[in-house]
Amino acid sequence: MREEPNHLRAFAIIPAAGESRRMGEPKLLLPLQSKPLIAHTIDAWLTAGLKPLVVVRPNDEALVQVCRERGADVLQPQAPPSEMKVSVQLALQFLDGQFHPGEHDCWLIAPADMPRLSVAIIGRLLQLHCESVASHSTSILVPTIAGKHGHPVLFPWPLSAQVHQLGTNEGVKALLTRNPVREIPCDDLLAQGPQAFADIDTPADYQRFK
């Protein structure tokens, strides 16, 4: 039986296995406006209605506790993922095994260190994906502000198979060169402008957000 578009599901993936080298210390639990940095990202996803929400993070019980308390599923691979692609593959395997997504479903991805991740942008991408399913014309959806690409990026679920087929030197971005992509202008949604796409990589970045 084919699923109807109004029954589609959306899944969020947060790769969080990075080592924060440029920050000089673990960053995802740094306090930012009364809560840990990663809590801002998780809360944006959940406010937008994205659940299940999967965080991939090995060997960090304090961070795992924060994520689970806020309602995220956490995968803790025994070996730290060598690159973001591996984290995404693990998350997709988990989602496939637990929820058996269908052809109309989708998955979205954004870094863990985006405290201004926009609920409005997430909502626009989901709405457009629903419309594209109804018209049988799904594609990867990439939000833009002032013409600049940002996150989250939405992928139709069937493209998850391609992630598992990526070559050694290929990342998830390779999917954007092999499949239809729609750029989605979101300038009208955001009072904060390009900050919606900003992440925190360095101490200077952190100070700007405090």
N, C-alpha and C. Protein backbone atom coordinates (compact mmCIF):
# COMPACT_ATOMS: atom_id res chain seq x y z
N MET A 1 0.85 -1.20 0.00
CA MET A 1 0.00 0.00 0.00
C MET A 1 0.88 1.25 0.00
N ARG A 2 0.57 2.18 -0.86
CA ARG A 2 1.31 3.43 -0.92
C ARG A 2 0.84 4.36 0.19
N GLU A 3 1.82 5.03 0.84
CA GLU A 3 1.46 5.99 1.88
C GLU A 3 0.89 7.26 1.26
N GLU A 4 -0.04 7.88 1.93
CA GLU A 4 -0.56 9.16 1.48
C GLU A 4 0.35 10.28 1.96
N PRO A 5 0.50 11.34 1.18
CA PRO A 5 1.40 12.42 1.56
C PRO A 5 1.13 13.00 2.93
N ASN A 6 -0.14 13.06 3.35
CA ASN A 6 -0.42 13.68 4.64
C ASN A 6 0.00 12.79 5.81
N HIS A 7 0.48 11.58 5.52
CA HIS A 7 0.95 10.69 6.56
C HIS A 7 2.48 10.64 6.59
N LEU A 8 3.13 11.48 5.86
CA LEU A 8 4.59 11.41 5.82
C LEU A 8 5.19 11.78 7.16
N ARG A 9 6.37 11.25 7.42
CA ARG A 9 7.10 11.52 8.66
C ARG A 9 8.44 12.17 8.32
N ALA A 10 8.90 12.97 9.26
CA ALA A 10 10.19 13.65 9.10
C ALA A 10 11.06 13.31 10.29
N PHE A 11 12.32 13.03 10.02
CA PHE A 11 13.27 12.63 11.05
C PHE A 11 14.46 13.59 11.03
N ALA A 12 14.91 13.97 12.21
CA ALA A 12 16.05 14.90 12.31
C ALA A 12 17.29 14.15 12.78
N ILE A 13 18.43 14.53 12.20
CA ILE A 13 19.72 13.94 12.57
C ILE A 13 20.67 15.04 13.00
N ILE A 14 21.28 14.85 14.17
CA ILE A 14 22.29 15.78 14.68
C ILE A 14 23.60 15.03 14.84
N PRO A 15 24.54 15.17 13.91
CA PRO A 15 25.87 14.59 14.11
C PRO A 15 26.60 15.42 15.17
N ALA A 16 27.02 14.78 16.26
CA ALA A 16 27.61 15.53 17.37
C ALA A 16 28.90 14.88 17.86
N ALA A 17 29.61 14.21 16.96
CA ALA A 17 30.81 13.47 17.37
C ALA A 17 32.10 14.25 17.18
N GLY A 18 32.01 15.50 16.75
CA GLY A 18 33.21 16.29 16.53
C GLY A 18 33.99 16.54 17.81
N GLU A 19 35.27 16.86 17.67
CA GLU A 19 36.16 17.02 18.82
C GLU A 19 36.39 18.47 19.23
N SER A 20 35.74 19.42 18.59
CA SER A 20 35.83 20.84 18.98
C SER A 20 37.27 21.35 18.99
N ARG A 21 38.05 20.94 18.01
CA ARG A 21 39.47 21.33 18.01
C ARG A 21 39.66 22.83 17.95
N ARG A 22 38.89 23.52 17.12
CA ARG A 22 39.07 24.97 16.99
C ARG A 22 38.60 25.72 18.23
N MET A 23 37.68 25.13 18.96
CA MET A 23 37.21 25.76 20.19
C MET A 23 38.23 25.61 21.31
N GLY A 24 38.96 24.50 21.30
CA GLY A 24 39.95 24.27 22.34
C GLY A 24 39.40 23.58 23.56
N GLU A 25 38.10 23.32 23.59
CA GLU A 25 37.44 22.62 24.69
C GLU A 25 36.11 22.10 24.16
N PRO A 26 35.54 21.08 24.82
CA PRO A 26 34.22 20.59 24.39
C PRO A 26 33.21 21.73 24.41
N LYS A 27 32.51 21.90 23.29
CA LYS A 27 31.67 23.10 23.17
C LYS A 27 30.18 22.86 23.35
N LEU A 28 29.70 21.66 23.15
CA LEU A 28 28.25 21.47 23.06
C LEU A 28 27.54 21.61 24.40
N LEU A 29 28.30 21.57 25.50
CA LEU A 29 27.70 21.80 26.81
C LEU A 29 28.03 23.19 27.36
N LEU A 30 28.69 24.02 26.58
CA LEU A 30 28.97 25.38 27.04
C LEU A 30 27.66 26.11 27.30
N PRO A 31 27.58 26.88 28.38
CA PRO A 31 26.33 27.60 28.67
C PRO A 31 26.10 28.74 27.69
N LEU A 32 24.89 28.85 27.23
CA LEU A 32 24.52 29.92 26.30
C LEU A 32 23.09 30.33 26.62
N GLN A 33 22.93 31.53 27.15
CA GLN A 33 21.59 32.03 27.48
C GLN A 33 20.81 31.03 28.34
N SER A 34 21.45 30.59 29.40
CA SER A 34 20.84 29.79 30.47
C SER A 34 20.68 28.31 30.17
N LYS A 35 21.18 27.83 29.03
CA LYS A 35 21.11 26.39 28.78
C LYS A 35 22.29 25.98 27.89
N PRO A 36 22.62 24.69 27.86
CA PRO A 36 23.76 24.24 27.06
C PRO A 36 23.55 24.53 25.57
N LEU A 37 24.66 24.73 24.88
CA LEU A 37 24.61 25.05 23.45
C LEU A 37 23.76 24.06 22.67
N ILE A 38 23.99 22.77 22.87
CA ILE A 38 23.26 21.79 22.07
C ILE A 38 21.77 21.81 22.38
N ALA A 39 21.39 22.28 23.56
CA ALA A 39 19.97 22.33 23.91
C ALA A 39 19.21 23.28 22.99
N HIS A 40 19.86 24.35 22.54
CA HIS A 40 19.21 25.28 21.62
C HIS A 40 18.85 24.57 20.31
N THR A 41 19.79 23.76 19.82
CA THR A 41 19.55 23.04 18.57
C THR A 41 18.44 22.01 18.74
N ILE A 42 18.51 21.23 19.80
CA ILE A 42 17.48 20.21 20.04
C ILE A 42 16.11 20.85 20.21
N ASP A 43 16.05 21.93 20.97
CA ASP A 43 14.75 22.58 21.21
C ASP A 43 14.14 23.11 19.92
N ALA A 44 14.97 23.61 19.01
CA ALA A 44 14.44 24.09 17.73
C ALA A 44 13.81 22.95 16.94
N TRP A 45 14.50 21.82 16.88
CA TRP A 45 13.93 20.67 16.17
C TRP A 45 12.61 20.23 16.78
N LEU A 46 12.59 20.11 18.10
CA LEU A 46 11.37 19.63 18.76
C LEU A 46 10.23 20.62 18.64
N THR A 47 10.53 21.91 18.73
CA THR A 47 9.49 22.92 18.56
C THR A 47 8.87 22.85 17.17
N ALA A 48 9.70 22.49 16.19
CA ALA A 48 9.21 22.36 14.81
C ALA A 48 8.47 21.04 14.59
N GLY A 49 8.41 20.20 15.61
CA GLY A 49 7.67 18.95 15.49
C GLY A 49 8.47 17.77 15.00
N LEU A 50 9.79 17.89 15.01
CA LEU A 50 10.64 16.81 14.51
C LEU A 50 10.94 15.82 15.63
N LYS A 51 10.37 14.66 15.53
CA LYS A 51 10.64 13.58 16.46
C LYS A 51 10.19 12.30 15.78
N PRO A 52 11.05 11.31 15.68
CA PRO A 52 12.31 11.14 16.36
C PRO A 52 13.40 12.13 15.91
N LEU A 53 14.24 12.43 16.87
CA LEU A 53 15.41 13.28 16.69
C LEU A 53 16.60 12.48 17.19
N VAL A 54 17.56 12.23 16.32
CA VAL A 54 18.67 11.33 16.66
C VAL A 54 19.97 12.12 16.76
N VAL A 55 20.61 12.01 17.91
CA VAL A 55 21.93 12.60 18.15
C VAL A 55 22.95 11.46 18.16
N VAL A 56 24.05 11.64 17.44
CA VAL A 56 25.12 10.64 17.44
C VAL A 56 26.30 11.21 18.21
N ARG A 57 26.61 10.59 19.37
CA ARG A 57 27.68 11.11 20.22
C ARG A 57 28.24 9.97 21.08
N PRO A 58 29.50 9.57 20.87
CA PRO A 58 30.09 8.53 21.71
C PRO A 58 30.74 9.10 22.96
N ASN A 59 30.80 8.31 24.00
CA ASN A 59 31.67 8.57 25.16
C ASN A 59 31.50 9.94 25.78
N ASP A 60 30.29 10.35 26.04
CA ASP A 60 30.07 11.66 26.67
C ASP A 60 28.76 11.60 27.45
N GLU A 61 28.82 11.04 28.64
CA GLU A 61 27.60 10.79 29.39
C GLU A 61 26.88 12.07 29.78
N ALA A 62 27.63 13.13 30.06
CA ALA A 62 26.98 14.39 30.44
C ALA A 62 26.15 14.94 29.28
N LEU A 63 26.72 14.89 28.08
CA LEU A 63 25.98 15.39 26.92
C LEU A 63 24.81 14.47 26.59
N VAL A 64 25.04 13.18 26.69
CA VAL A 64 23.95 12.22 26.44
C VAL A 64 22.78 12.48 27.37
N GLN A 65 23.07 12.76 28.63
CA GLN A 65 22.00 13.03 29.59
C GLN A 65 21.20 14.27 29.20
N VAL A 66 21.89 15.34 28.80
CA VAL A 66 21.20 16.56 28.37
C VAL A 66 20.28 16.27 27.19
N CYS A 67 20.80 15.53 26.22
CA CYS A 67 20.02 15.24 25.01
C CYS A 67 18.78 14.41 25.34
N ARG A 68 18.97 13.38 26.14
CA ARG A 68 17.84 12.50 26.46
C ARG A 68 16.80 13.20 27.32
N GLU A 69 17.25 14.05 28.23
CA GLU A 69 16.30 14.79 29.06
C GLU A 69 15.42 15.70 28.22
N ARG A 70 15.95 16.15 27.08
CA ARG A 70 15.17 17.05 26.23
C ARG A 70 14.35 16.30 25.19
N GLY A 71 14.46 14.97 25.17
CA GLY A 71 13.60 14.18 24.29
C GLY A 71 14.24 13.62 23.05
N ALA A 72 15.57 13.68 22.96
CA ALA A 72 16.26 13.15 21.79
C ALA A 72 16.66 11.70 22.02
N ASP A 73 16.70 10.93 20.93
CA ASP A 73 17.33 9.61 20.95
C ASP A 73 18.82 9.82 20.75
N VAL A 74 19.64 9.07 21.47
CA VAL A 74 21.09 9.22 21.36
C VAL A 74 21.71 7.89 20.98
N LEU A 75 22.52 7.89 19.93
CA LEU A 75 23.31 6.73 19.55
C LEU A 75 24.72 6.94 20.08
N GLN A 76 25.26 5.92 20.74
CA GLN A 76 26.60 6.00 21.31
C GLN A 76 27.48 4.90 20.71
N PRO A 77 28.02 5.12 19.53
CA PRO A 77 28.89 4.10 18.93
C PRO A 77 30.12 3.86 19.79
N GLN A 78 30.57 2.61 19.85
CA GLN A 78 31.74 2.29 20.67
C GLN A 78 32.98 3.02 20.16
N ALA A 79 33.14 3.06 18.85
CA ALA A 79 34.27 3.78 18.26
C ALA A 79 33.77 5.13 17.76
N PRO A 80 34.44 6.22 18.11
CA PRO A 80 34.02 7.53 17.61
C PRO A 80 33.99 7.55 16.09
N PRO A 81 32.92 8.03 15.48
CA PRO A 81 32.86 8.12 14.02
C PRO A 81 34.02 8.94 13.48
N SER A 82 34.65 8.45 12.44
CA SER A 82 35.82 9.12 11.88
C SER A 82 35.47 10.38 11.12
N GLU A 83 34.22 10.52 10.70
CA GLU A 83 33.77 11.69 9.96
C GLU A 83 32.25 11.78 10.08
N MET A 84 31.72 12.94 9.69
CA MET A 84 30.28 13.17 9.82
C MET A 84 29.47 12.14 9.04
N LYS A 85 29.98 11.74 7.87
CA LYS A 85 29.27 10.77 7.05
C LYS A 85 28.94 9.51 7.85
N VAL A 86 29.87 9.05 8.65
CA VAL A 86 29.66 7.83 9.43
C VAL A 86 28.55 8.04 10.47
N SER A 87 28.53 9.21 11.10
CA SER A 87 27.46 9.51 12.05
C SER A 87 26.10 9.47 11.37
N VAL A 88 26.01 10.04 10.18
CA VAL A 88 24.75 10.05 9.44
C VAL A 88 24.34 8.63 9.06
N GLN A 89 25.30 7.83 8.62
CA GLN A 89 24.99 6.44 8.28
C GLN A 89 24.44 5.69 9.49
N LEU A 90 25.05 5.89 10.65
CA LEU A 90 24.57 5.22 11.86
C LEU A 90 23.15 5.67 12.21
N ALA A 91 22.89 6.96 12.10
CA ALA A 91 21.56 7.48 12.41
C ALA A 91 20.52 6.92 11.45
N LEU A 92 20.85 6.88 10.18
CA LEU A 92 19.91 6.36 9.18
C LEU A 92 19.62 4.87 9.41
N GLN A 93 20.66 4.11 9.77
CA GLN A 93 20.44 2.70 10.08
C GLN A 93 19.50 2.54 11.27
N PHE A 94 19.69 3.36 12.29
CA PHE A 94 18.82 3.31 13.46
C PHE A 94 17.38 3.64 13.09
N LEU A 95 17.19 4.71 12.34
CA LEU A 95 15.84 5.12 11.95
C LEU A 95 15.17 4.06 11.09
N ASP A 96 15.93 3.49 10.18
CA ASP A 96 15.37 2.46 9.30
C ASP A 96 14.92 1.25 10.11
N GLY A 97 15.74 0.83 11.07
CA GLY A 97 15.40 -0.34 11.86
C GLY A 97 14.26 -0.11 12.84
N GLN A 98 14.17 1.10 13.38
CA GLN A 98 13.17 1.38 14.41
C GLN A 98 11.83 1.83 13.83
N PHE A 99 11.86 2.56 12.72
CA PHE A 99 10.64 3.24 12.26
C PHE A 99 10.23 2.88 10.83
N HIS A 100 11.08 2.16 10.11
CA HIS A 100 10.75 1.69 8.77
C HIS A 100 10.16 2.81 7.90
N PRO A 101 10.91 3.88 7.67
CA PRO A 101 10.38 5.00 6.89
C PRO A 101 9.96 4.57 5.49
N GLY A 102 8.99 5.31 4.95
CA GLY A 102 8.48 5.03 3.62
C GLY A 102 8.96 6.04 2.59
N GLU A 103 8.53 5.85 1.37
CA GLU A 103 9.04 6.65 0.26
C GLU A 103 8.68 8.13 0.37
N HIS A 104 7.61 8.46 1.07
CA HIS A 104 7.21 9.86 1.19
C HIS A 104 7.88 10.57 2.37
N ASP A 105 8.52 9.82 3.25
CA ASP A 105 9.14 10.41 4.43
C ASP A 105 10.41 11.16 4.04
N CYS A 106 10.98 11.85 5.02
CA CYS A 106 12.20 12.61 4.74
C CYS A 106 13.07 12.66 5.99
N TRP A 107 14.32 13.00 5.79
CA TRP A 107 15.23 13.23 6.92
C TRP A 107 15.93 14.56 6.70
N LEU A 108 16.17 15.23 7.81
CA LEU A 108 16.82 16.54 7.78
C LEU A 108 18.06 16.49 8.64
N ILE A 109 19.03 17.31 8.29
CA ILE A 109 20.29 17.31 9.01
C ILE A 109 20.78 18.73 9.22
N ALA A 110 21.36 18.97 10.39
CA ALA A 110 22.01 20.24 10.70
C ALA A 110 23.07 19.97 11.76
N PRO A 111 24.13 20.75 11.80
CA PRO A 111 25.16 20.57 12.82
C PRO A 111 24.59 20.77 14.22
N ALA A 112 25.30 20.22 15.20
CA ALA A 112 24.86 20.32 16.60
C ALA A 112 25.09 21.70 17.19
N ASP A 113 25.96 22.49 16.57
CA ASP A 113 26.41 23.75 17.17
C ASP A 113 25.78 24.97 16.51
N MET A 114 24.49 24.87 16.17
CA MET A 114 23.76 25.97 15.53
C MET A 114 22.71 26.52 16.49
N PRO A 115 23.07 27.45 17.37
CA PRO A 115 22.10 27.92 18.36
C PRO A 115 20.95 28.73 17.80
N ARG A 116 21.06 29.18 16.54
CA ARG A 116 19.97 29.94 15.92
C ARG A 116 19.22 29.12 14.88
N LEU A 117 19.34 27.81 14.95
CA LEU A 117 18.59 26.96 14.02
C LEU A 117 17.13 27.40 14.02
N SER A 118 16.61 27.65 12.81
CA SER A 118 15.32 28.33 12.68
C SER A 118 14.14 27.36 12.57
N VAL A 119 13.22 27.48 13.52
CA VAL A 119 11.98 26.71 13.46
C VAL A 119 11.19 27.07 12.21
N ALA A 120 11.21 28.34 11.84
CA ALA A 120 10.46 28.79 10.66
C ALA A 120 11.02 28.17 9.39
N ILE A 121 12.34 28.08 9.28
CA ILE A 121 12.94 27.47 8.10
C ILE A 121 12.59 25.98 8.05
N ILE A 122 12.70 25.31 9.18
CA ILE A 122 12.33 23.89 9.21
C ILE A 122 10.89 23.71 8.73
N GLY A 123 10.00 24.55 9.22
CA GLY A 123 8.60 24.46 8.82
C GLY A 123 8.40 24.67 7.33
N ARG A 124 9.12 25.62 6.77
CA ARG A 124 8.99 25.87 5.32
C ARG A 124 9.46 24.66 4.52
N LEU A 125 10.58 24.09 4.91
CA LEU A 125 11.08 22.92 4.18
C LEU A 125 10.09 21.77 4.25
N LEU A 126 9.52 21.54 5.42
CA LEU A 126 8.56 20.44 5.55
C LEU A 126 7.31 20.68 4.72
N GLN A 127 6.84 21.92 4.71
CA GLN A 127 5.66 22.24 3.91
C GLN A 127 5.93 21.99 2.42
N LEU A 128 7.09 22.44 1.97
CA LEU A 128 7.41 22.27 0.55
C LEU A 128 7.64 20.80 0.20
N HIS A 129 8.18 20.04 1.13
CA HIS A 129 8.34 18.61 0.87
C HIS A 129 6.97 17.95 0.74
N CYS A 130 6.04 18.30 1.61
CA CYS A 130 4.67 17.75 1.50
C CYS A 130 4.07 18.07 0.14
N GLU A 131 4.25 19.30 -0.29
CA GLU A 131 3.70 19.71 -1.59
C GLU A 131 4.37 18.95 -2.73
N SER A 132 5.68 18.73 -2.62
CA SER A 132 6.38 18.03 -3.69
C SER A 132 6.00 16.55 -3.73
N VAL A 133 5.72 15.96 -2.57
CA VAL A 133 5.24 14.58 -2.55
C VAL A 133 3.90 14.49 -3.26
N ALA A 134 3.02 15.44 -2.99
CA ALA A 134 1.70 15.44 -3.61
C ALA A 134 1.79 15.57 -5.13
N SER A 135 2.82 16.29 -5.59
CA SER A 135 2.97 16.49 -7.04
C SER A 135 3.98 15.53 -7.66
N HIS A 136 4.45 14.55 -6.86
CA HIS A 136 5.39 13.53 -7.35
C HIS A 136 6.66 14.15 -7.92
N SER A 137 7.19 15.14 -7.22
CA SER A 137 8.39 15.83 -7.72
C SER A 137 9.34 16.16 -6.57
N THR A 138 9.66 15.17 -5.75
CA THR A 138 10.51 15.42 -4.59
C THR A 138 11.94 15.72 -5.00
N SER A 139 12.62 16.48 -4.15
CA SER A 139 14.02 16.82 -4.37
C SER A 139 14.65 17.16 -3.04
N ILE A 140 15.96 17.30 -3.04
CA ILE A 140 16.66 17.80 -1.86
C ILE A 140 16.34 19.28 -1.72
N LEU A 141 16.05 19.72 -0.51
CA LEU A 141 15.70 21.12 -0.27
C LEU A 141 16.80 21.78 0.56
N VAL A 142 17.35 22.88 0.03
CA VAL A 142 18.44 23.60 0.69
C VAL A 142 18.00 25.03 0.95
N PRO A 143 17.90 25.47 2.20
CA PRO A 143 17.48 26.85 2.47
C PRO A 143 18.59 27.83 2.13
N THR A 144 18.20 29.03 1.73
CA THR A 144 19.18 30.08 1.45
C THR A 144 18.75 31.38 2.13
N ILE A 145 19.75 32.17 2.51
CA ILE A 145 19.56 33.54 2.96
C ILE A 145 20.56 34.39 2.20
N ALA A 146 20.07 35.41 1.52
CA ALA A 146 20.92 36.26 0.67
C ALA A 146 21.72 35.40 -0.30
N GLY A 147 21.11 34.34 -0.79
CA GLY A 147 21.75 33.46 -1.76
C GLY A 147 22.72 32.46 -1.18
N LYS A 148 22.95 32.50 0.12
CA LYS A 148 23.91 31.60 0.76
C LYS A 148 23.21 30.35 1.27
N HIS A 149 23.80 29.19 0.97
CA HIS A 149 23.24 27.93 1.45
C HIS A 149 23.43 27.80 2.96
N GLY A 150 22.47 27.11 3.60
CA GLY A 150 22.57 26.88 5.03
C GLY A 150 21.90 25.58 5.44
N HIS A 151 21.64 25.46 6.72
CA HIS A 151 20.99 24.28 7.29
C HIS A 151 19.69 24.69 7.98
N PRO A 152 18.79 23.71 8.12
CA PRO A 152 18.94 22.30 7.80
C PRO A 152 18.75 22.03 6.31
N VAL A 153 19.24 20.87 5.88
CA VAL A 153 18.99 20.38 4.53
C VAL A 153 18.04 19.20 4.64
N LEU A 154 17.05 19.16 3.76
CA LEU A 154 16.04 18.10 3.76
C LEU A 154 16.30 17.14 2.61
N PHE A 155 16.28 15.85 2.92
CA PHE A 155 16.48 14.80 1.92
C PHE A 155 15.26 13.88 1.91
N PRO A 156 14.69 13.58 0.73
CA PRO A 156 13.67 12.54 0.67
C PRO A 156 14.24 11.22 1.20
N TRP A 157 13.44 10.48 1.94
CA TRP A 157 13.96 9.27 2.56
C TRP A 157 14.64 8.31 1.58
N PRO A 158 14.12 8.09 0.38
CA PRO A 158 14.78 7.13 -0.51
C PRO A 158 16.26 7.42 -0.77
N LEU A 159 16.69 8.66 -0.59
CA LEU A 159 18.10 8.98 -0.81
C LEU A 159 19.00 8.47 0.30
N SER A 160 18.40 7.96 1.38
CA SER A 160 19.24 7.41 2.45
C SER A 160 20.11 6.26 1.95
N ALA A 161 19.61 5.52 0.98
CA ALA A 161 20.39 4.41 0.43
C ALA A 161 21.70 4.90 -0.17
N GLN A 162 21.67 6.08 -0.77
CA GLN A 162 22.88 6.62 -1.39
C GLN A 162 23.95 6.97 -0.35
N VAL A 163 23.52 7.33 0.85
CA VAL A 163 24.50 7.65 1.91
C VAL A 163 25.35 6.44 2.23
N HIS A 164 24.74 5.27 2.24
CA HIS A 164 25.47 4.04 2.56
C HIS A 164 26.36 3.60 1.41
N GLN A 165 26.18 4.19 0.23
CA GLN A 165 26.98 3.83 -0.93
C GLN A 165 28.10 4.83 -1.22
N LEU A 166 28.26 5.83 -0.38
CA LEU A 166 29.27 6.86 -0.62
C LEU A 166 30.67 6.26 -0.57
N GLY A 167 31.53 6.77 -1.45
CA GLY A 167 32.91 6.32 -1.48
C GLY A 167 33.71 6.83 -0.30
N THR A 168 34.93 6.32 -0.18
CA THR A 168 35.79 6.65 0.95
C THR A 168 36.01 8.14 1.09
N ASN A 169 36.19 8.83 -0.01
CA ASN A 169 36.51 10.26 0.02
C ASN A 169 35.29 11.14 -0.23
N GLU A 170 34.10 10.57 -0.14
CA GLU A 170 32.88 11.33 -0.39
C GLU A 170 32.13 11.60 0.91
N GLY A 171 31.54 12.79 1.01
CA GLY A 171 30.69 13.12 2.13
C GLY A 171 29.24 13.19 1.71
N VAL A 172 28.38 13.51 2.65
CA VAL A 172 26.94 13.58 2.37
C VAL A 172 26.64 14.63 1.31
N LYS A 173 27.48 15.66 1.23
CA LYS A 173 27.26 16.70 0.22
C LYS A 173 27.28 16.15 -1.21
N ALA A 174 27.90 15.00 -1.39
CA ALA A 174 27.94 14.41 -2.73
C ALA A 174 26.54 14.13 -3.26
N LEU A 175 25.58 13.92 -2.37
CA LEU A 175 24.21 13.68 -2.82
C LEU A 175 23.65 14.88 -3.57
N LEU A 176 24.13 16.07 -3.25
CA LEU A 176 23.62 17.28 -3.90
C LEU A 176 24.07 17.37 -5.35
N THR A 177 25.10 16.66 -5.71
CA THR A 177 25.58 16.68 -7.10
C THR A 177 24.95 15.57 -7.93
N ARG A 178 24.22 14.67 -7.30
CA ARG A 178 23.69 13.49 -7.99
C ARG A 178 22.18 13.45 -8.07
N ASN A 179 21.52 14.41 -7.43
CA ASN A 179 20.07 14.38 -7.32
C ASN A 179 19.50 15.78 -7.52
N PRO A 180 18.22 15.87 -7.87
CA PRO A 180 17.59 17.19 -8.00
C PRO A 180 17.66 17.96 -6.68
N VAL A 181 18.02 19.24 -6.78
CA VAL A 181 18.14 20.11 -5.61
C VAL A 181 17.33 21.38 -5.86
N ARG A 182 16.56 21.78 -4.85
CA ARG A 182 15.84 23.07 -4.90
C ARG A 182 16.39 23.99 -3.83
N GLU A 183 16.79 25.17 -4.24
CA GLU A 183 17.18 26.19 -3.28
C GLU A 183 15.91 26.91 -2.81
N ILE A 184 15.76 27.04 -1.50
CA ILE A 184 14.55 27.61 -0.92
C ILE A 184 14.88 28.94 -0.23
N PRO A 185 14.57 30.08 -0.85
CA PRO A 185 14.84 31.38 -0.21
C PRO A 185 14.05 31.51 1.09
N CYS A 186 14.74 31.94 2.14
CA CYS A 186 14.11 32.07 3.46
C CYS A 186 14.36 33.44 4.08
N ASP A 187 14.80 34.40 3.27
CA ASP A 187 15.11 35.74 3.79
C ASP A 187 13.92 36.35 4.53
N ASP A 188 12.72 36.08 4.05
CA ASP A 188 11.53 36.71 4.63
C ASP A 188 11.16 36.16 6.00
N LEU A 189 11.78 35.05 6.40
CA LEU A 189 11.39 34.40 7.65
C LEU A 189 12.18 34.89 8.86
N LEU A 190 13.28 35.59 8.63
CA LEU A 190 14.26 35.75 9.69
C LEU A 190 14.59 37.18 10.01
N ALA A 191 14.34 37.55 11.25
CA ALA A 191 14.75 38.87 11.71
C ALA A 191 16.26 38.94 11.92
N GLN A 192 16.87 37.78 12.27
CA GLN A 192 18.30 37.79 12.58
C GLN A 192 19.18 37.62 11.35
N GLY A 193 18.58 37.48 10.17
CA GLY A 193 19.37 37.39 8.95
C GLY A 193 20.27 36.16 8.93
N PRO A 194 21.48 36.30 8.38
CA PRO A 194 22.36 35.15 8.19
C PRO A 194 22.74 34.43 9.48
N GLN A 195 22.52 35.03 10.66
CA GLN A 195 22.84 34.33 11.90
C GLN A 195 22.09 33.01 12.03
N ALA A 196 21.00 32.85 11.33
CA ALA A 196 20.26 31.59 11.39
C ALA A 196 21.11 30.43 10.91
N PHE A 197 22.12 30.70 10.08
CA PHE A 197 22.99 29.66 9.56
C PHE A 197 24.31 29.56 10.32
N ALA A 198 24.52 30.41 11.30
CA ALA A 198 25.82 30.47 11.97
C ALA A 198 26.00 29.32 12.95
N ASP A 199 27.22 28.79 12.99
CA ASP A 199 27.56 27.81 14.01
C ASP A 199 28.68 28.35 14.88
N ILE A 200 29.00 27.62 15.92
CA ILE A 200 30.00 28.07 16.88
C ILE A 200 31.20 27.13 16.79
N ASP A 201 32.28 27.62 16.21
CA ASP A 201 33.49 26.82 16.04
C ASP A 201 34.66 27.30 16.88
N THR A 202 34.69 28.59 17.22
CA THR A 202 35.84 29.18 17.89
C THR A 202 35.39 29.95 19.13
N PRO A 203 36.32 30.27 20.04
CA PRO A 203 35.95 31.11 21.18
C PRO A 203 35.35 32.45 20.76
N ALA A 204 35.84 33.02 19.66
CA ALA A 204 35.27 34.29 19.18
C ALA A 204 33.82 34.12 18.76
N ASP A 205 33.51 33.01 18.09
CA ASP A 205 32.11 32.73 17.72
C ASP A 205 31.25 32.67 18.98
N TYR A 206 31.74 31.99 19.98
CA TYR A 206 30.98 31.81 21.22
C TYR A 206 30.70 33.16 21.88
N GLN A 207 31.70 34.02 21.92
CA GLN A 207 31.51 35.33 22.54
C GLN A 207 30.47 36.16 21.79
N ARG A 208 30.41 36.02 20.48
CA ARG A 208 29.43 36.78 19.69
C ARG A 208 28.00 36.35 20.02
N PHE A 209 27.82 35.10 20.38
CA PHE A 209 26.47 34.61 20.66
C PHE A 209 26.05 34.83 22.10
N LYS A 210 26.99 35.06 22.99
CA LYS A 210 26.65 35.20 24.42
C LYS A 210 25.89 36.49 24.69
